[in-house]
Amino acid sequence: MAEFTRQRGKRQEDSGLGNVLDLLLANARLVLGVTGAAVLAIATLAVKRLIDRATSPRDEGDPKAEQKTLEESWQDLALIKATPKPPKKQRREDLSEPLLSPALPLVPGEAPELRVCSAPAETPRVESSPPRCLTLQEKLLSYYSSQLTVPETQASVALQLARSICTQLQNFLRSKCPELPFGSLFLSGPLLDGLGALAADHIHLMLPVVLDTTLWSLIPGEDTVVRNPQYWLIKRTDLEYFPRGRSPWDRFIVGRYLSSNMLNETLHKMLVASINWPAIGSLLGSVIHPVVASQELKLEVKYDQIKLSITLFPVVEMEDKVLLAAPPEGLVENLWLESFYRAEILKVKELDAGDSGVRQRCLCILHSICKSHPALHKLSGSPLTHVILHLSVTSLDWAEESLADRFQQLLEELVGYLEKGVLPSYFNPKINLFCELLEEEIDEMGFMLYRAISEPELLLKEK
């Protein structure tokens, strides 16, 4: 009887504890949510088992019972460890719903009497307005300022390196070839000439070839087999009165013409085999090596994080012409290419100075787009400059606020020239600046630019 009373009391206590736990679990969902209630239920079950075993009589001396109790304790411990962790507390501003959802009543029509501490009042969240759509004018100005600015330190270091290499090369030529009247080397390119360099990564090194004008004359390319007015021949004259050897440049004659190919080959051998570039590079704290496989006279220079390409061009100035030793690809030799670069720079700057225009800025944007676009990369700076010069004849408003209009108009002009396959030089209308482009290349460029007329943003993607 006493034992029954003790067991009954225990059951009543268990029943009372069970009622409390049931009430707690029933309302846990309201306060803690489904996941929190599950956590509390599992933990409560484990604690309840521990209390049961602590208050139940032990079978002293029974090893099986002790082992069973030990196993159950491990199971309860594993149960507690396996309890799912509550979700990571989120910041209030990251939630789109209130912290406490409205509770559903346990019995239809009745709401549980439950006191819940209300969350502190939250400041109403202000919805951020959608980003404003930029106009083409704003996009062009942003593209120019963010994409086309060469860091001043990089430009300064690149120029200093190029000048030092220029001095070393000048000293070598004077000591190695004192009989050849080379003029003073000078640097050229957008990084120096103010038309806006895209990067401090390329510089032209101009090597003047000084000719006696009484012994040499120019033959227009249109009067030769190539029929191209942009190329010229430099002919040796009066060989009857001034025999071969009179001019120091006679050693580069092929068929009575000064051969650009032969001069380039001689300089290429010097750059590759005769000049100690490792020693010069060590002196300048850089690494310098000539590009052996290139047809051009090119040096690659690395200094810290700067990679600089320097291209050497022999240049002849005669009869107001600037001719480069840059013959066309193919079997044709001895030709010299007429360069309008200097005239282009002067004319664009002159026009911009006259009306405070944005021609140079527009040229930089177009050049950058074409250089980085796989379908447009053959549209070099010179053709683009000539399109701007042509457009300046008919469109007089080049103020900054008209940048978008002029840019779109330039795209239309380019498409028109590509449709014809002809872009006449601003300085010599006989010259077609598209003459070396393949028909497939012209079609691809025209298609891309035609699309860009209605959607200029296609060309202004981040690089």
Protein backbone atom coordinates (compact mmCIF):
# COMPACT_ATOMS: atom_id res chain seq x y z
CA MET A 1 0.00 0.00 0.00
CA ALA A 2 2.77 2.39 0.89
CA GLU A 3 4.51 1.45 -2.30
CA PHE A 4 1.31 2.11 -4.32
CA THR A 5 0.90 5.48 -2.60
CA ARG A 6 4.46 6.41 -3.44
CA GLN A 7 4.02 5.37 -7.10
CA ARG A 8 0.68 7.21 -7.31
CA GLY A 9 2.25 10.35 -5.88
CA LYS A 10 5.01 10.02 -8.39
CA ARG A 11 2.50 9.66 -11.21
CA GLN A 12 0.61 12.71 -9.98
CA GLU A 13 3.81 14.67 -9.84
CA ASP A 14 4.66 13.39 -13.32
CA SER A 15 1.15 14.26 -14.44
CA GLY A 16 1.47 17.76 -13.01
CA LEU A 17 4.86 18.19 -14.64
CA GLY A 18 3.48 16.75 -17.86
CA ASN A 19 0.58 19.24 -17.83
CA VAL A 20 2.98 22.12 -17.35
CA LEU A 21 5.20 20.85 -20.14
CA ASP A 22 2.22 20.24 -22.42
CA LEU A 23 0.97 23.79 -21.82
CA LEU A 24 4.44 25.16 -22.44
CA LEU A 25 4.85 23.17 -25.65
CA ALA A 26 1.39 24.09 -26.82
CA ASN A 27 2.20 27.77 -26.60
CA ALA A 28 5.81 27.47 -27.67
CA ARG A 29 4.81 27.53 -31.29
CA LEU A 30 3.12 30.84 -30.79
CA VAL A 31 6.18 32.46 -29.29
CA LEU A 32 9.09 30.58 -30.82
CA GLY A 33 7.68 29.46 -34.12
CA VAL A 34 7.74 25.93 -35.51
CA THR A 35 11.49 25.47 -35.39
CA GLY A 36 11.80 26.94 -31.89
CA ALA A 37 8.98 24.75 -30.61
CA ALA A 38 10.67 21.66 -32.02
CA VAL A 39 13.89 22.61 -30.28
CA LEU A 40 12.10 23.08 -26.92
CA ALA A 41 10.12 19.84 -27.31
CA ILE A 42 13.19 17.70 -27.95
CA ALA A 43 15.14 19.30 -25.12
CA THR A 44 12.17 18.95 -22.72
CA LEU A 45 11.76 15.27 -23.61
CA ALA A 46 15.39 14.63 -22.86
CA VAL A 47 15.19 16.42 -19.50
CA LYS A 48 12.01 14.57 -18.61
CA ARG A 49 13.71 11.23 -19.24
CA LEU A 50 16.59 12.22 -17.02
CA ILE A 51 14.16 13.22 -14.21
CA ASP A 52 12.31 9.89 -14.57
CA ARG A 53 15.48 7.90 -14.16
CA ALA A 54 16.65 10.04 -11.29
CA THR A 55 13.40 9.48 -9.31
CA SER A 56 12.85 5.82 -10.27
CA PRO A 57 14.26 3.09 -7.94
CA ARG A 58 17.51 1.57 -9.03
CA ASP A 59 18.07 -2.10 -9.26
CA GLU A 60 21.19 -2.18 -7.15
CA GLY A 61 23.63 -4.78 -8.22
CA ASP A 62 21.93 -5.45 -11.52
CA PRO A 63 24.62 -4.84 -14.18
CA LYS A 64 22.13 -5.08 -17.06
CA ALA A 65 19.95 -2.37 -15.58
CA GLU A 66 22.97 -0.12 -15.03
CA GLN A 67 24.12 -0.69 -18.58
CA LYS A 68 20.61 0.09 -19.83
CA THR A 69 20.53 3.30 -17.81
CA LEU A 70 23.95 4.29 -19.15
CA GLU A 71 22.87 3.64 -22.77
CA GLU A 72 19.71 5.71 -22.26
CA SER A 73 21.78 8.56 -20.85
CA TRP A 74 24.02 8.51 -23.95
CA GLN A 75 20.93 8.44 -26.14
CA ASP A 76 19.52 11.47 -24.33
CA LEU A 77 22.82 13.30 -24.66
CA ALA A 78 22.93 12.51 -28.37
CA LEU A 79 19.34 13.68 -28.64
CA ILE A 80 20.21 17.03 -27.09
CA LYS A 81 23.31 17.45 -29.34
CA ALA A 82 21.25 16.59 -32.42
CA THR A 83 18.75 19.30 -31.60
CA PRO A 84 18.56 21.65 -34.59
CA LYS A 85 20.10 25.03 -33.96
CA PRO A 86 17.76 28.00 -34.10
CA PRO A 87 18.14 30.08 -37.22
CA LYS A 88 20.80 32.77 -37.13
CA LYS A 89 19.36 36.00 -35.88
CA GLN A 90 18.93 38.40 -38.75
CA ARG A 91 19.25 42.10 -38.61
CA ARG A 92 15.92 43.82 -38.47
CA GLU A 93 16.49 45.84 -41.57
CA ASP A 94 17.13 42.67 -43.61
CA LEU A 95 13.63 41.28 -42.95
CA SER A 96 10.64 42.07 -45.03
CA GLU A 97 8.08 40.73 -42.47
CA PRO A 98 7.51 41.46 -38.76
CA LEU A 99 9.47 39.49 -36.19
CA LEU A 100 6.28 37.93 -34.73
CA SER A 101 3.64 36.58 -37.09
CA PRO A 102 0.02 36.77 -35.93
CA ALA A 103 -0.66 33.62 -33.88
CA LEU A 104 -3.32 31.15 -34.93
CA PRO A 105 -5.73 30.14 -32.12
CA LEU A 106 -5.44 26.57 -30.88
CA VAL A 107 -9.24 26.20 -30.86
CA PRO A 108 -11.35 27.71 -33.61
CA GLY A 109 -12.91 30.91 -32.39
CA GLU A 110 -10.66 31.18 -29.37
CA ALA A 111 -7.37 32.97 -29.06
CA PRO A 112 -4.91 31.83 -26.43
CA GLU A 113 -4.48 34.21 -23.55
CA LEU A 114 -0.81 34.80 -23.90
CA ARG A 115 1.10 37.91 -22.92
CA VAL A 116 3.78 38.65 -25.45
CA CYS A 117 6.25 41.47 -25.08
CA SER A 118 5.75 43.62 -28.11
CA ALA A 119 8.83 44.50 -30.15
CA PRO A 120 9.94 48.11 -29.96
CA ALA A 121 8.41 50.32 -32.57
CA GLU A 122 10.49 50.36 -35.70
CA THR A 123 11.18 53.38 -37.82
CA PRO A 124 9.34 52.92 -41.14
CA ARG A 125 11.71 51.70 -43.79
CA VAL A 126 12.18 54.16 -46.64
CA GLU A 127 12.14 52.48 -50.01
CA SER A 128 15.13 53.52 -52.11
CA SER A 129 14.14 54.99 -55.43
CA PRO A 130 15.18 53.05 -58.56
CA PRO A 131 18.43 54.22 -60.18
CA ARG A 132 17.92 57.04 -62.61
CA CYS A 133 18.42 56.16 -66.28
CA LEU A 134 21.47 57.99 -67.59
CA THR A 135 21.29 59.85 -70.86
CA LEU A 136 23.77 59.09 -73.65
CA GLN A 137 25.50 62.39 -72.86
CA GLU A 138 26.03 61.34 -69.23
CA LYS A 139 27.21 57.87 -70.25
CA LEU A 140 29.77 59.29 -72.67
CA LEU A 141 31.15 61.71 -70.09
CA SER A 142 31.30 58.93 -67.49
CA TYR A 143 33.01 56.57 -69.93
CA TYR A 144 35.60 59.22 -70.78
CA SER A 145 36.41 60.08 -67.16
CA SER A 146 36.48 56.49 -65.87
CA GLN A 147 37.97 54.53 -68.79
CA LEU A 148 40.31 56.91 -70.56
CA THR A 149 42.35 58.51 -67.82
CA VAL A 150 46.00 57.49 -67.81
CA PRO A 151 47.51 57.78 -64.30
CA GLU A 152 50.02 60.62 -64.29
CA THR A 153 52.69 58.54 -62.55
CA GLN A 154 52.46 55.77 -65.17
CA ALA A 155 52.66 58.24 -68.04
CA SER A 156 55.66 59.96 -66.45
CA VAL A 157 57.55 56.70 -65.88
CA ALA A 158 56.77 55.44 -69.41
CA LEU A 159 58.01 58.66 -70.98
CA GLN A 160 61.17 58.68 -68.88
CA LEU A 161 61.93 55.07 -69.88
CA ALA A 162 61.33 55.84 -73.55
CA ARG A 163 63.59 58.90 -73.45
CA SER A 164 66.38 56.93 -71.79
CA ILE A 165 66.13 54.15 -74.38
CA CYS A 166 66.03 56.78 -77.12
CA THR A 167 69.32 58.23 -75.84
CA GLN A 168 70.98 54.81 -75.63
CA LEU A 169 69.88 53.90 -79.16
CA GLN A 170 71.03 57.25 -80.54
CA ASN A 171 74.52 56.77 -79.02
CA PHE A 172 74.73 53.26 -80.45
CA LEU A 173 73.82 54.34 -84.00
CA ARG A 174 76.33 57.18 -83.96
CA SER A 175 79.13 54.87 -82.84
CA LYS A 176 78.12 51.87 -85.00
CA CYS A 177 77.09 53.73 -88.19
CA PRO A 178 78.85 57.12 -88.16
CA GLU A 179 78.73 57.28 -91.97
CA LEU A 180 74.90 57.25 -92.03
CA PRO A 181 73.43 60.70 -91.41
CA PHE A 182 70.60 59.76 -89.05
CA GLY A 183 68.88 62.72 -87.46
CA SER A 184 68.10 63.05 -83.77
CA LEU A 185 65.64 60.44 -82.54
CA PHE A 186 62.40 61.78 -81.10
CA LEU A 187 59.29 60.32 -79.46
CA SER A 188 55.80 60.42 -80.91
CA GLY A 189 52.33 59.05 -80.19
CA PRO A 190 49.17 60.00 -78.29
CA LEU A 191 50.96 59.87 -74.93
CA LEU A 192 53.04 62.89 -76.00
CA ASP A 193 50.93 64.66 -78.59
CA GLY A 194 47.82 65.40 -76.55
CA LEU A 195 45.19 63.47 -78.52
CA GLY A 196 44.53 61.34 -75.46
CA ALA A 197 46.40 58.10 -74.89
CA LEU A 198 44.29 55.09 -73.93
CA ALA A 199 47.10 53.69 -71.81
CA ALA A 200 50.77 54.29 -71.07
CA ASP A 201 51.70 51.20 -73.04
CA HIS A 202 52.87 52.30 -76.49
CA ILE A 203 55.23 54.94 -77.86
CA HIS A 204 56.63 55.56 -81.33
CA LEU A 205 60.33 56.25 -81.73
CA MET A 206 61.01 58.22 -84.90
CA LEU A 207 64.43 57.87 -86.59
CA PRO A 208 64.98 60.63 -89.21
CA VAL A 209 66.77 59.57 -92.42
CA VAL A 210 68.45 62.72 -93.74
CA LEU A 211 68.63 62.79 -97.56
CA ASP A 212 70.38 65.17 -99.93
CA THR A 213 67.48 66.53 -101.97
CA THR A 214 69.75 67.06 -104.98
CA LEU A 215 70.30 63.28 -105.19
CA TRP A 216 66.81 62.02 -104.37
CA SER A 217 63.27 62.70 -105.61
CA LEU A 218 59.78 61.44 -104.82
CA ILE A 219 57.64 59.32 -107.17
CA PRO A 220 53.88 59.18 -106.32
CA GLY A 221 52.55 55.71 -105.62
CA GLU A 222 49.68 56.22 -108.05
CA ASP A 223 52.28 56.37 -110.83
CA THR A 224 53.67 52.96 -109.89
CA VAL A 225 52.33 49.42 -110.17
CA VAL A 226 50.63 49.62 -106.77
CA ARG A 227 48.35 52.49 -107.89
CA ASN A 228 48.03 53.67 -104.29
CA PRO A 229 48.49 57.41 -103.72
CA GLN A 230 49.31 56.89 -100.03
CA TYR A 231 52.62 55.17 -100.87
CA TRP A 232 55.66 56.81 -102.45
CA LEU A 233 58.96 55.77 -103.99
CA ILE A 234 62.21 57.59 -103.23
CA LYS A 235 64.29 57.54 -106.39
CA ARG A 236 68.04 58.07 -106.74
CA THR A 237 68.60 60.74 -109.42
CA ASP A 238 71.46 61.76 -111.73
CA LEU A 239 73.45 58.54 -111.40
CA GLU A 240 75.25 59.56 -114.60
CA TYR A 241 76.69 62.68 -112.97
CA PHE A 242 76.67 61.54 -109.34
CA PRO A 243 77.59 57.85 -109.45
CA ARG A 244 76.62 55.29 -106.89
CA GLY A 245 78.40 55.85 -103.61
CA ARG A 246 78.01 59.60 -103.66
CA SER A 247 75.18 59.34 -101.14
CA PRO A 248 75.74 57.35 -97.92
CA TRP A 249 72.27 55.87 -98.47
CA ASP A 250 73.24 54.29 -101.81
CA ARG A 251 73.93 51.02 -100.02
CA PHE A 252 70.18 50.64 -99.53
CA ILE A 253 69.26 51.12 -103.20
CA VAL A 254 67.23 48.46 -105.00
CA GLY A 255 66.55 49.22 -108.66
CA ARG A 256 67.47 52.91 -108.25
CA TYR A 257 65.02 53.30 -105.36
CA LEU A 258 65.75 53.69 -101.65
CA SER A 259 64.47 50.42 -100.22
CA SER A 260 62.43 50.72 -97.01
CA ASN A 261 62.64 46.93 -96.66
CA MET A 262 66.44 46.83 -96.81
CA LEU A 263 66.77 49.66 -94.29
CA ASN A 264 64.35 47.95 -91.91
CA GLU A 265 66.18 44.63 -92.20
CA THR A 266 69.51 46.27 -91.37
CA LEU A 267 68.08 48.04 -88.32
CA HIS A 268 66.30 44.85 -87.24
CA LYS A 269 69.61 42.96 -87.19
CA MET A 270 71.16 45.72 -85.10
CA LEU A 271 68.30 45.72 -82.60
CA VAL A 272 68.33 41.95 -82.23
CA ALA A 273 72.01 41.04 -82.42
CA SER A 274 74.22 44.10 -81.92
CA ILE A 275 72.81 46.05 -78.99
CA ASN A 276 73.35 44.77 -75.45
CA TRP A 277 69.80 45.27 -74.22
CA PRO A 278 70.28 43.30 -70.95
CA ALA A 279 73.03 45.73 -69.93
CA ILE A 280 70.93 48.78 -70.91
CA GLY A 281 67.92 47.35 -69.10
CA SER A 282 69.99 46.75 -65.98
CA LEU A 283 71.23 50.32 -66.13
CA LEU A 284 67.65 51.59 -66.34
CA GLY A 285 66.29 49.15 -63.75
CA SER A 286 64.09 47.43 -66.33
CA VAL A 287 63.93 44.46 -68.68
CA ILE A 288 64.28 45.23 -72.41
CA HIS A 289 64.21 42.81 -75.30
CA PRO A 290 63.58 43.21 -79.06
CA VAL A 291 60.68 41.36 -80.67
CA VAL A 292 62.52 39.00 -83.01
CA ALA A 293 59.56 37.59 -84.94
CA SER A 294 57.92 40.94 -85.70
CA GLN A 295 58.27 42.66 -89.08
CA GLU A 296 58.24 45.93 -87.19
CA LEU A 297 61.20 47.33 -85.29
CA LYS A 298 59.77 46.79 -81.85
CA LEU A 299 61.07 46.69 -78.28
CA GLU A 300 59.21 45.32 -75.28
CA VAL A 301 60.04 47.03 -71.98
CA LYS A 302 58.97 45.99 -68.49
CA TYR A 303 59.48 48.20 -65.47
CA ASP A 304 57.75 47.25 -62.23
CA GLN A 305 54.03 47.04 -63.21
CA ILE A 306 54.47 48.96 -66.48
CA LYS A 307 54.69 47.11 -69.79
CA LEU A 308 55.73 49.41 -72.62
CA SER A 309 55.97 48.72 -76.34
CA ILE A 310 58.31 50.97 -78.34
CA THR A 311 58.14 50.85 -82.16
CA LEU A 312 60.97 52.36 -84.21
CA PHE A 313 60.08 54.05 -87.52
CA PRO A 314 62.68 55.35 -89.99
CA VAL A 315 61.15 58.54 -91.39
CA VAL A 316 61.97 60.71 -94.41
CA GLU A 317 60.73 64.30 -94.70
CA MET A 318 60.84 65.68 -98.25
CA GLU A 319 58.70 68.09 -100.24
CA ASP A 320 56.32 68.67 -97.31
CA LYS A 321 55.72 64.92 -97.08
CA VAL A 322 56.31 62.70 -94.04
CA LEU A 323 57.14 59.18 -95.23
CA LEU A 324 57.54 56.14 -92.99
CA ALA A 325 59.50 52.99 -93.76
CA ALA A 326 56.29 50.95 -93.39
CA PRO A 327 55.72 49.15 -96.70
CA PRO A 328 52.45 47.29 -97.30
CA GLU A 329 52.29 43.56 -96.72
CA GLY A 330 52.99 41.39 -99.72
CA LEU A 331 55.63 41.15 -102.42
CA VAL A 332 55.85 44.90 -103.06
CA GLU A 333 59.09 46.39 -101.70
CA ASN A 334 60.80 49.76 -101.45
CA LEU A 335 57.59 51.73 -100.81
CA TRP A 336 57.26 54.44 -98.16
CA LEU A 337 53.95 55.21 -96.44
CA GLU A 338 52.79 58.82 -96.24
CA SER A 339 51.83 59.69 -92.67
CA PHE A 340 49.29 62.39 -91.83
CA TYR A 341 49.60 61.98 -88.09
CA ARG A 342 51.30 65.32 -87.46
CA ALA A 343 48.82 67.19 -89.67
CA GLU A 344 45.89 65.41 -87.98
CA ILE A 345 47.05 66.50 -84.53
CA LEU A 346 47.54 70.11 -85.56
CA LYS A 347 44.18 70.35 -87.36
CA VAL A 348 42.08 68.77 -84.58
CA LYS A 349 43.73 70.94 -81.93
CA GLU A 350 43.29 74.02 -84.07
CA LEU A 351 39.55 73.34 -84.53
CA ASP A 352 38.99 72.61 -80.84
CA ALA A 353 40.88 75.75 -79.84
CA GLY A 354 38.70 77.82 -82.18
CA ASP A 355 35.34 76.79 -80.70
CA SER A 356 36.20 75.09 -77.37
CA GLY A 357 35.06 71.86 -78.98
CA VAL A 358 35.12 68.22 -77.86
CA ARG A 359 36.61 66.66 -81.01
CA GLN A 360 39.61 65.29 -79.13
CA ARG A 361 37.37 63.83 -76.42
CA CYS A 362 35.08 62.27 -79.02
CA LEU A 363 38.11 60.82 -80.83
CA CYS A 364 39.43 59.27 -77.61
CA ILE A 365 36.08 57.61 -76.87
CA LEU A 366 35.73 56.20 -80.39
CA HIS A 367 39.33 55.04 -80.50
CA SER A 368 38.98 53.26 -77.15
CA ILE A 369 35.76 51.55 -78.27
CA CYS A 370 37.24 50.35 -81.55
CA LYS A 371 40.50 49.20 -80.00
CA SER A 372 38.76 46.99 -77.43
CA HIS A 373 35.96 45.67 -79.70
CA PRO A 374 36.81 42.49 -81.65
CA ALA A 375 34.81 43.58 -84.72
CA LEU A 376 36.12 47.16 -84.80
CA HIS A 377 39.77 46.91 -83.76
CA LYS A 378 41.04 47.59 -87.30
CA LEU A 379 39.50 51.04 -87.26
CA SER A 380 42.67 52.75 -86.05
CA GLY A 381 43.04 56.30 -84.83
CA SER A 382 43.86 57.79 -88.23
CA PRO A 383 40.60 56.89 -90.09
CA LEU A 384 38.54 57.99 -87.08
CA THR A 385 40.37 61.31 -87.02
CA HIS A 386 39.62 61.89 -90.69
CA VAL A 387 35.89 61.15 -90.12
CA ILE A 388 35.86 63.80 -87.37
CA LEU A 389 37.62 66.28 -89.65
CA HIS A 390 35.12 65.63 -92.45
CA LEU A 391 32.19 66.06 -90.05
CA SER A 392 33.65 69.31 -88.72
CA VAL A 393 33.15 70.83 -92.17
CA THR A 394 29.37 70.39 -92.03
CA SER A 395 28.63 70.27 -88.27
CA LEU A 396 29.85 73.38 -86.50
CA ASP A 397 28.46 72.79 -82.99
CA TRP A 398 31.10 70.84 -81.03
CA ALA A 399 30.34 72.26 -77.58
CA GLU A 400 30.40 69.82 -74.65
CA GLU A 401 26.62 69.71 -74.35
CA SER A 402 26.49 68.46 -77.96
CA LEU A 403 28.84 65.53 -77.35
CA ALA A 404 26.07 62.91 -77.58
CA ASP A 405 24.70 64.39 -80.82
CA ARG A 406 28.13 64.51 -82.47
CA PHE A 407 28.95 60.98 -81.26
CA GLN A 408 25.78 59.55 -82.79
CA GLN A 409 26.38 61.53 -85.96
CA LEU A 410 29.91 60.10 -86.18
CA LEU A 411 28.47 56.58 -86.02
CA GLU A 412 26.12 57.42 -88.89
CA GLU A 413 29.00 58.89 -90.92
CA LEU A 414 31.14 55.81 -90.34
CA VAL A 415 28.32 53.51 -91.48
CA GLY A 416 27.92 55.60 -94.63
CA TYR A 417 31.63 55.36 -95.47
CA LEU A 418 31.66 51.62 -94.77
CA GLU A 419 28.65 51.09 -97.06
CA LYS A 420 30.64 52.69 -99.88
CA GLY A 421 33.88 50.98 -98.82
CA VAL A 422 35.62 54.33 -99.23
CA LEU A 423 36.89 56.81 -96.65
CA PRO A 424 38.72 59.65 -98.45
CA SER A 425 41.62 61.26 -96.63
CA TYR A 426 40.88 64.75 -95.38
CA PHE A 427 44.24 65.95 -96.72
CA ASN A 428 44.23 64.03 -100.01
CA PRO A 429 40.82 62.90 -101.34
CA LYS A 430 42.55 60.47 -103.73
CA ILE A 431 43.57 58.29 -100.79
CA ASN A 432 41.05 55.69 -99.57
CA LEU A 433 41.81 54.95 -95.93
CA PHE A 434 39.72 51.73 -96.16
CA CYS A 435 41.68 50.33 -99.08
CA GLU A 436 43.53 47.71 -97.00
CA LEU A 437 40.40 46.34 -95.30
CA LEU A 438 38.85 43.11 -96.53
CA GLU A 439 35.24 43.13 -97.70
CA GLU A 440 34.24 40.77 -94.86
CA GLU A 441 35.84 43.10 -92.31
CA ILE A 442 33.99 46.10 -93.74
CA ASP A 443 30.67 44.21 -93.60
CA GLU A 444 31.22 43.17 -90.00
CA MET A 445 32.15 46.69 -88.92
CA GLY A 446 29.21 48.21 -90.78
CA PHE A 447 26.74 45.78 -89.21
CA MET A 448 28.02 46.46 -85.70
CA LEU A 449 27.98 50.24 -86.09
CA TYR A 450 24.55 50.16 -87.78
CA ARG A 451 23.15 48.47 -84.66
CA ALA A 452 24.92 51.00 -82.47
CA ILE A 453 23.20 53.94 -84.18
CA SER A 454 19.92 53.02 -82.48
CA GLU A 455 21.62 51.60 -79.36
CA PRO A 456 24.89 53.48 -78.75
CA GLU A 457 25.09 51.90 -75.29
CA LEU A 458 26.16 48.64 -76.99
CA LEU A 459 29.57 50.20 -77.48
CA LEU A 460 29.92 51.70 -74.00
CA LYS A 461 30.20 48.54 -71.94
CA GLU A 462 32.78 48.42 -69.16
CA LYS A 463 36.16 47.12 -70.24
